[in-house]
Protein backbone atom coordinates (compact mmCIF):
# COMPACT_ATOMS: atom_id res chain seq x y z
CA MET A 1 86.52 61.76 118.79
CA TYR A 2 83.30 60.59 120.40
CA GLN A 3 83.21 61.85 123.98
CA ILE A 4 80.51 62.24 126.57
CA LYS A 5 81.01 65.68 128.09
CA LYS A 6 77.44 66.08 129.34
CA LEU A 7 75.29 63.17 130.48
CA ILE A 8 71.71 62.75 131.68
CA VAL A 9 71.05 59.80 134.00
CA CYS A 10 67.36 58.94 134.43
CA LEU A 11 66.70 57.75 137.98
CA ASP A 12 63.36 56.45 139.26
CA ARG A 13 63.99 55.62 142.94
CA THR A 14 64.19 51.84 142.37
CA GLU A 15 67.05 49.36 142.59
CA MET A 16 67.80 50.17 138.95
CA ASP A 17 69.34 53.46 140.10
CA ALA A 18 72.41 51.77 141.59
CA THR A 19 73.25 50.15 138.23
CA LEU A 20 72.79 53.42 136.35
CA VAL A 21 74.98 55.38 138.76
CA LYS A 22 77.76 52.80 138.39
CA PHE A 23 77.56 53.10 134.62
CA ALA A 24 77.60 56.89 134.91
CA ALA A 25 80.78 56.65 136.97
CA PHE A 26 82.34 54.35 134.38
CA ILE A 27 81.42 56.72 131.55
CA ALA A 28 82.72 59.76 133.43
CA ASP A 29 86.00 58.01 134.19
CA THR A 30 86.69 57.09 130.56
CA ASN A 31 85.40 60.32 128.99
CA GLN A 32 86.45 63.05 131.42
CA THR A 33 82.78 63.94 131.57
CA LYS A 34 82.30 67.52 132.72
CA LYS A 35 78.74 67.37 134.03
CA ILE A 36 76.15 64.74 134.92
CA TYR A 37 72.49 65.58 135.36
CA PHE A 38 70.94 63.00 137.68
CA THR A 39 67.26 63.38 136.87
CA ASN A 40 63.99 62.21 138.37
CA VAL A 41 60.57 63.04 136.94
CA ILE A 42 57.51 63.19 139.16
CA ARG A 43 54.46 62.17 137.18
CA ASN A 44 51.80 64.83 136.78
CA LEU A 45 50.55 65.87 140.19
CA HIS A 46 46.84 66.40 140.63
CA ILE A 47 46.74 68.23 143.93
CA PRO A 48 43.70 70.41 144.55
CA GLN A 49 44.50 74.11 144.77
CA GLU A 50 42.85 74.22 148.18
CA VAL A 51 45.38 71.72 149.49
CA LEU A 52 48.27 73.70 147.97
CA ASN A 53 46.93 76.86 149.57
CA GLU A 54 46.88 75.11 152.92
CA PHE A 55 50.31 73.53 152.45
CA PRO A 56 52.25 75.94 150.18
CA ASN A 57 55.57 74.13 150.70
CA LEU A 58 54.25 70.69 149.75
CA ILE A 59 55.72 70.49 146.22
CA GLU A 60 58.99 72.17 147.17
CA GLY A 61 59.39 69.71 150.04
CA MET A 62 58.71 66.77 147.70
CA ILE A 63 61.33 68.00 145.23
CA ASN A 64 63.94 68.53 147.94
CA GLU A 65 63.25 65.07 149.35
CA ARG A 66 63.83 63.47 145.95
CA LYS A 67 67.05 65.40 145.42
CA THR A 68 68.28 64.20 148.81
CA GLU A 69 67.46 60.59 147.90
CA MET A 70 69.33 60.91 144.60
CA LYS A 71 72.39 62.39 146.32
CA LYS A 72 72.50 59.47 148.74
CA THR A 73 72.32 56.96 145.88
CA VAL A 74 75.09 58.74 143.98
CA GLU A 75 77.31 58.97 147.06
CA GLN A 76 76.85 55.25 147.65
CA HIS A 77 77.42 53.94 144.11
CA PHE A 78 79.52 56.50 142.19
CA ASP A 79 82.80 54.71 142.81
CA ARG A 80 85.21 56.79 140.70
CA GLU A 81 87.31 59.81 141.62
CA VAL A 82 86.63 62.13 138.68
CA PRO A 83 86.45 65.93 138.41
CA THR A 84 82.83 65.83 137.30
CA GLU A 85 80.15 68.31 138.34
CA PHE A 86 76.86 66.80 139.51
CA ALA A 87 73.43 68.39 139.15
CA TYR A 88 70.26 66.97 140.64
CA VAL A 89 67.18 67.77 138.59
CA VAL A 90 63.62 66.98 139.60
CA LYS A 91 60.85 67.75 137.11
CA GLU A 92 57.12 67.27 137.13
CA GLY A 93 55.20 66.02 134.10
CA GLN A 94 55.46 63.37 131.38
CA LEU A 95 58.73 61.47 131.63
CA SER A 96 59.89 61.42 128.01
CA LYS A 97 58.92 65.03 127.35
CA LYS A 98 60.85 66.33 130.33
CA ILE A 99 63.95 64.28 129.54
CA LEU A 100 63.94 65.37 125.87
CA LYS A 101 63.51 69.00 126.82
CA LEU A 102 66.32 68.84 129.37
CA ALA A 103 68.61 67.12 126.84
CA ASN A 104 68.03 69.92 124.35
CA GLU A 105 68.34 72.72 126.89
CA LYS A 106 71.63 71.40 128.27
CA SER A 107 72.96 70.16 124.89
CA VAL A 108 73.92 66.78 126.33
CA ASP A 109 75.86 64.09 124.50
CA MET A 110 74.09 61.05 125.92
CA ILE A 111 71.01 59.96 127.85
CA LEU A 112 71.39 56.95 130.14
CA VAL A 113 68.26 54.93 130.98
CA GLY A 114 67.52 51.55 132.51
CA ARG A 115 65.97 48.46 130.94
CA LYS A 116 63.93 46.67 133.55
CA ILE A 117 63.40 42.93 133.56
CA SER A 118 61.96 41.97 136.95
CA LEU A 119 61.64 45.44 138.42
CA PRO A 120 58.41 47.41 137.83
CA GLY A 121 58.35 49.68 134.80
CA SER A 122 58.14 49.55 131.00
CA GLY A 123 60.37 50.05 127.99
CA VAL A 124 58.20 52.70 126.36
CA LEU A 125 60.56 55.47 127.46
CA SER A 126 63.50 53.90 125.65
CA GLN A 127 61.58 53.69 122.38
CA ARG A 128 60.45 57.31 122.56
CA LEU A 129 63.85 58.63 123.51
CA ALA A 130 65.60 56.62 120.79
CA ARG A 131 63.27 58.10 118.18
CA ARG A 132 63.32 61.70 119.33
CA ALA A 133 66.53 62.42 121.25
CA SER A 134 69.05 64.69 119.57
CA CYS A 135 71.92 62.72 121.10
CA SER A 136 72.98 59.13 121.77
CA LEU A 137 71.02 56.84 124.08
CA LEU A 138 72.49 54.12 126.29
CA ILE A 139 69.98 51.53 127.52
CA VAL A 140 71.28 49.43 130.41
CA PRO A 141 69.50 46.25 131.57
CA GLU A 142 69.16 45.77 135.31
CA ASN A 143 72.12 44.12 137.07
CA SER A 144 74.48 44.90 134.16
CA LYS A 145 78.15 45.49 134.96
CA PRO A 146 80.16 48.26 133.27
CA LYS A 147 82.88 46.42 131.33
CA LEU A 148 84.57 46.90 127.97
CA LYS A 149 86.13 43.63 126.86
CA LYS A 150 84.01 42.88 123.78
CA LEU A 151 81.69 45.16 121.83
CA LEU A 152 79.33 43.90 119.14
CA VAL A 153 78.61 46.28 116.25
CA PRO A 154 75.92 45.02 113.83
CA SER A 155 76.68 46.48 110.40
CA ASP A 156 75.22 46.68 106.93
CA PHE A 157 78.22 48.79 105.87
CA SER A 158 76.08 51.94 105.47
CA ASP A 159 76.96 55.47 106.60
CA TYR A 160 75.07 55.17 109.88
CA ALA A 161 76.78 51.80 110.49
CA ARG A 162 80.11 53.53 109.90
CA GLU A 163 79.26 56.11 112.57
CA ALA A 164 78.44 53.30 115.00
CA MET A 165 81.78 51.62 114.24
CA GLU A 166 83.69 54.88 114.74
CA VAL A 167 81.96 55.34 118.09
CA ALA A 168 82.86 51.78 119.09
CA ILE A 169 86.51 52.38 118.17
CA SER A 170 86.57 55.62 120.14
CA VAL A 171 85.04 53.88 123.16
CA ALA A 172 87.43 50.92 122.91
CA GLU A 173 90.43 53.22 122.54
CA ARG A 174 89.73 54.87 125.88
CA SER A 175 89.01 51.63 127.72
CA ARG A 176 91.60 50.19 130.07
CA GLU A 177 90.81 46.61 129.11
CA LYS A 178 92.04 46.39 125.49
CA ALA A 179 88.53 46.00 124.18
CA GLU A 180 87.87 43.96 121.05
CA ILE A 181 85.22 44.90 118.50
CA ILE A 182 83.19 42.29 116.65
CA CYS A 183 81.56 43.61 113.49
CA GLN A 184 78.59 41.41 112.59
CA ASN A 185 76.98 41.39 109.17
CA VAL A 186 73.69 39.50 108.90
CA PHE A 187 72.90 38.50 105.33
CA THR A 188 69.98 36.68 103.74
CA VAL A 189 69.68 34.42 100.73
CA PRO A 190 67.15 35.97 98.31
CA SER A 191 64.04 33.89 97.65
CA GLY A 192 64.70 33.76 93.92
CA TYR A 193 68.14 32.21 94.26
CA HIS A 194 67.02 29.03 92.45
CA PHE A 195 66.56 30.97 89.19
CA THR A 196 70.36 31.29 89.07
CA GLY A 197 70.86 27.53 88.85
CA LYS A 198 72.66 27.55 92.19
CA SER A 199 71.72 25.56 95.27
CA TYR A 200 70.76 27.30 98.50
CA ASP A 201 74.16 26.61 100.07
CA GLU A 202 75.99 27.73 96.94
CA PHE A 203 74.14 31.02 96.83
CA ALA A 204 74.64 31.51 100.57
CA ALA A 205 78.39 31.18 99.97
CA ILE A 206 78.15 33.80 97.22
CA MET A 207 76.29 36.19 99.54
CA GLN A 208 78.91 35.74 102.27
CA THR A 209 81.74 36.33 99.80
CA HIS A 210 80.18 39.66 98.81
CA ALA A 211 79.73 40.54 102.49
CA GLU A 212 83.41 39.83 103.11
CA ILE A 213 84.40 42.07 100.20
CA ASN A 214 82.12 44.85 101.43
CA PHE A 215 83.55 44.59 104.93
CA LYS A 216 87.07 45.10 103.61
CA LYS A 217 85.93 48.19 101.71
CA PHE A 218 84.03 49.41 104.76
CA ILE A 219 86.83 49.01 107.32
CA ARG A 220 89.45 50.40 104.94
CA LYS A 221 87.79 53.82 105.18
CA ILE A 222 87.87 53.83 108.99
CA ASP A 223 90.77 54.65 111.29
CA THR A 224 90.70 51.70 113.67
CA LYS A 225 93.39 53.25 115.91
CA SER A 226 95.03 49.84 116.30
CA ILE A 227 91.86 48.45 117.90
CA LYS A 228 91.22 44.83 116.92
CA VAL A 229 88.11 44.57 114.75
CA LYS A 230 86.93 41.06 113.91
CA ALA A 231 84.27 40.41 111.28
CA VAL A 232 81.64 37.71 111.65
CA TYR A 233 79.02 36.80 109.05
CA THR A 234 75.63 35.38 109.97
CA LYS A 235 73.14 33.84 107.56
CA ASP A 236 69.61 34.78 108.54
CA ASP A 237 67.31 31.79 107.99
CA ASP A 238 64.15 33.09 109.67
CA ASP A 239 63.90 36.69 108.46
CA ASP A 240 64.75 38.01 111.92
CA PRO A 241 68.27 39.49 112.00
CA VAL A 242 67.83 40.85 115.53
CA GLU A 243 67.55 37.33 116.93
CA ASP A 244 70.85 36.55 115.16
CA ILE A 245 72.45 39.63 116.69
CA ILE A 246 71.38 38.72 120.22
CA ARG A 247 72.48 35.11 119.72
CA VAL A 248 75.98 36.18 118.61
CA ALA A 249 76.17 38.66 121.49
CA LYS A 250 75.55 35.74 123.85
CA GLU A 251 78.06 33.50 122.08
CA ILE A 252 80.89 36.05 122.37
CA ASN A 253 79.88 37.26 125.86
CA ALA A 254 79.56 40.83 124.61
CA ASN A 255 79.69 43.65 127.13
CA GLY A 256 77.58 45.84 124.91
CA ILE A 257 75.97 46.35 121.50
CA ILE A 258 76.44 49.55 119.51
CA ILE A 259 74.14 50.44 116.63
CA GLY A 260 73.60 53.64 114.64
CA ALA A 261 70.28 55.44 114.42
CA LYS A 262 69.10 56.10 110.88
CA GLY A 263 67.30 59.36 111.66
CA ARG A 264 69.53 62.31 110.75
CA THR A 265 67.15 65.09 109.75
CA ALA A 266 63.77 66.48 110.75
CA ALA A 267 62.11 64.32 108.11
CA THR A 268 63.69 61.10 109.37
CA ALA A 269 64.00 61.80 113.09
CA LEU A 270 61.31 59.30 114.04
CA PHE A 271 62.87 56.48 112.02
CA ILE A 272 65.81 55.06 113.93
CA GLY A 273 65.71 51.91 111.81
CA SER A 274 63.73 48.71 112.21
CA MET A 275 66.76 46.83 113.53
CA ALA A 276 67.43 49.38 116.28
CA GLU A 277 63.73 49.46 117.17
CA ARG A 278 63.54 45.69 117.50
CA LEU A 279 66.81 45.50 119.43
CA ILE A 280 65.40 47.92 121.97
CA GLN A 281 62.29 45.74 122.25
CA LEU A 282 63.96 42.33 122.49
CA ASN A 283 67.33 42.90 124.10
CA ASP A 284 67.19 42.62 127.88
CA GLN A 285 70.68 41.30 128.53
CA PHE A 286 73.26 43.63 126.95
CA PRO A 287 73.81 47.38 127.33
CA LEU A 288 72.68 48.89 124.02
CA LEU A 289 74.10 52.15 122.71
CA VAL A 290 72.03 53.79 119.97
CA THR A 291 74.38 56.37 118.50
CA ARG A 292 73.30 59.68 117.06
CA PRO A 293 75.71 62.61 116.67
CA LYS A 294 74.59 65.41 118.96
CA GLY A 295 72.23 67.78 117.20
CA LYS A 296 72.21 65.84 113.93
CA ASN A 297 68.67 64.68 114.60
CA ALA A 298 67.41 68.23 114.16
CA GLY A 299 63.87 66.88 114.50
CA ILE A 300 62.39 70.35 114.94
CA ILE A 301 58.81 69.46 114.12
CA GLU A 302 58.81 66.30 116.25
CA TYR A 303 60.51 68.15 119.09
CA ILE A 304 57.91 70.90 119.11
CA LEU A 305 55.12 68.31 119.06
CA GLU A 306 56.80 66.38 121.86
CA ILE A 307 57.15 69.32 124.28
């Protein structure tokens, strides 16, 4: 069963923090999470040694101040009564490196980060973490609300798509809202369809029929635990399946999108899949969970280079 026993929440002292703390509370409530590491990274400090000699407690005071700010935010927005231990971690250095190192040291199950829209900041961190983290990554757009009514799982019926579906079922099973899962397959009509003597629409119907057959084979191998899984099939007309995924997410009022990362070994750790990459880039409306079984990344070379 997919559970989040240890969680890192990346705070940056902006309004985004309130949203992330609320999601952390929601996750802890549904997973019996044992420990949450609320983390803030101070960018590399360039303080002359002479100044440090004159004020030896400067950095320690800065760290303590940040921990105090984080505690206040958590006390204000963590609205669940759960037996979860909190740790407040302040690091100095490059953001992604420090988060990745902490995730490996603490053997966490998930990293929770924000996706800013109007607030200052960039999405570079999400891309780097998705490629290199040895655990799952949840990217939450600002002002999102933690709900579990409908989850969209894009699927090509591969092994990594199966892992994403199993995670979605596990998440839905523990929700209190009888969550529904929509499994979306985006298919394309090959450019050489006319050599078959079929029209475009006729060949599109053939492609969808095969997708329907493959879905039945795919879902038959998965224990759905009585969770309702509905299949939808989308014909991609513009060679951009991610746009189709976001459009369907809007149409069904999805509360989140779950997709599997392709990287499973050291050789493939940096390749989470073009669809996941583009979803991270384009999606600014739905919480996006990029699933990766803890430790299965095993990107030893990349990890050493990163830290």
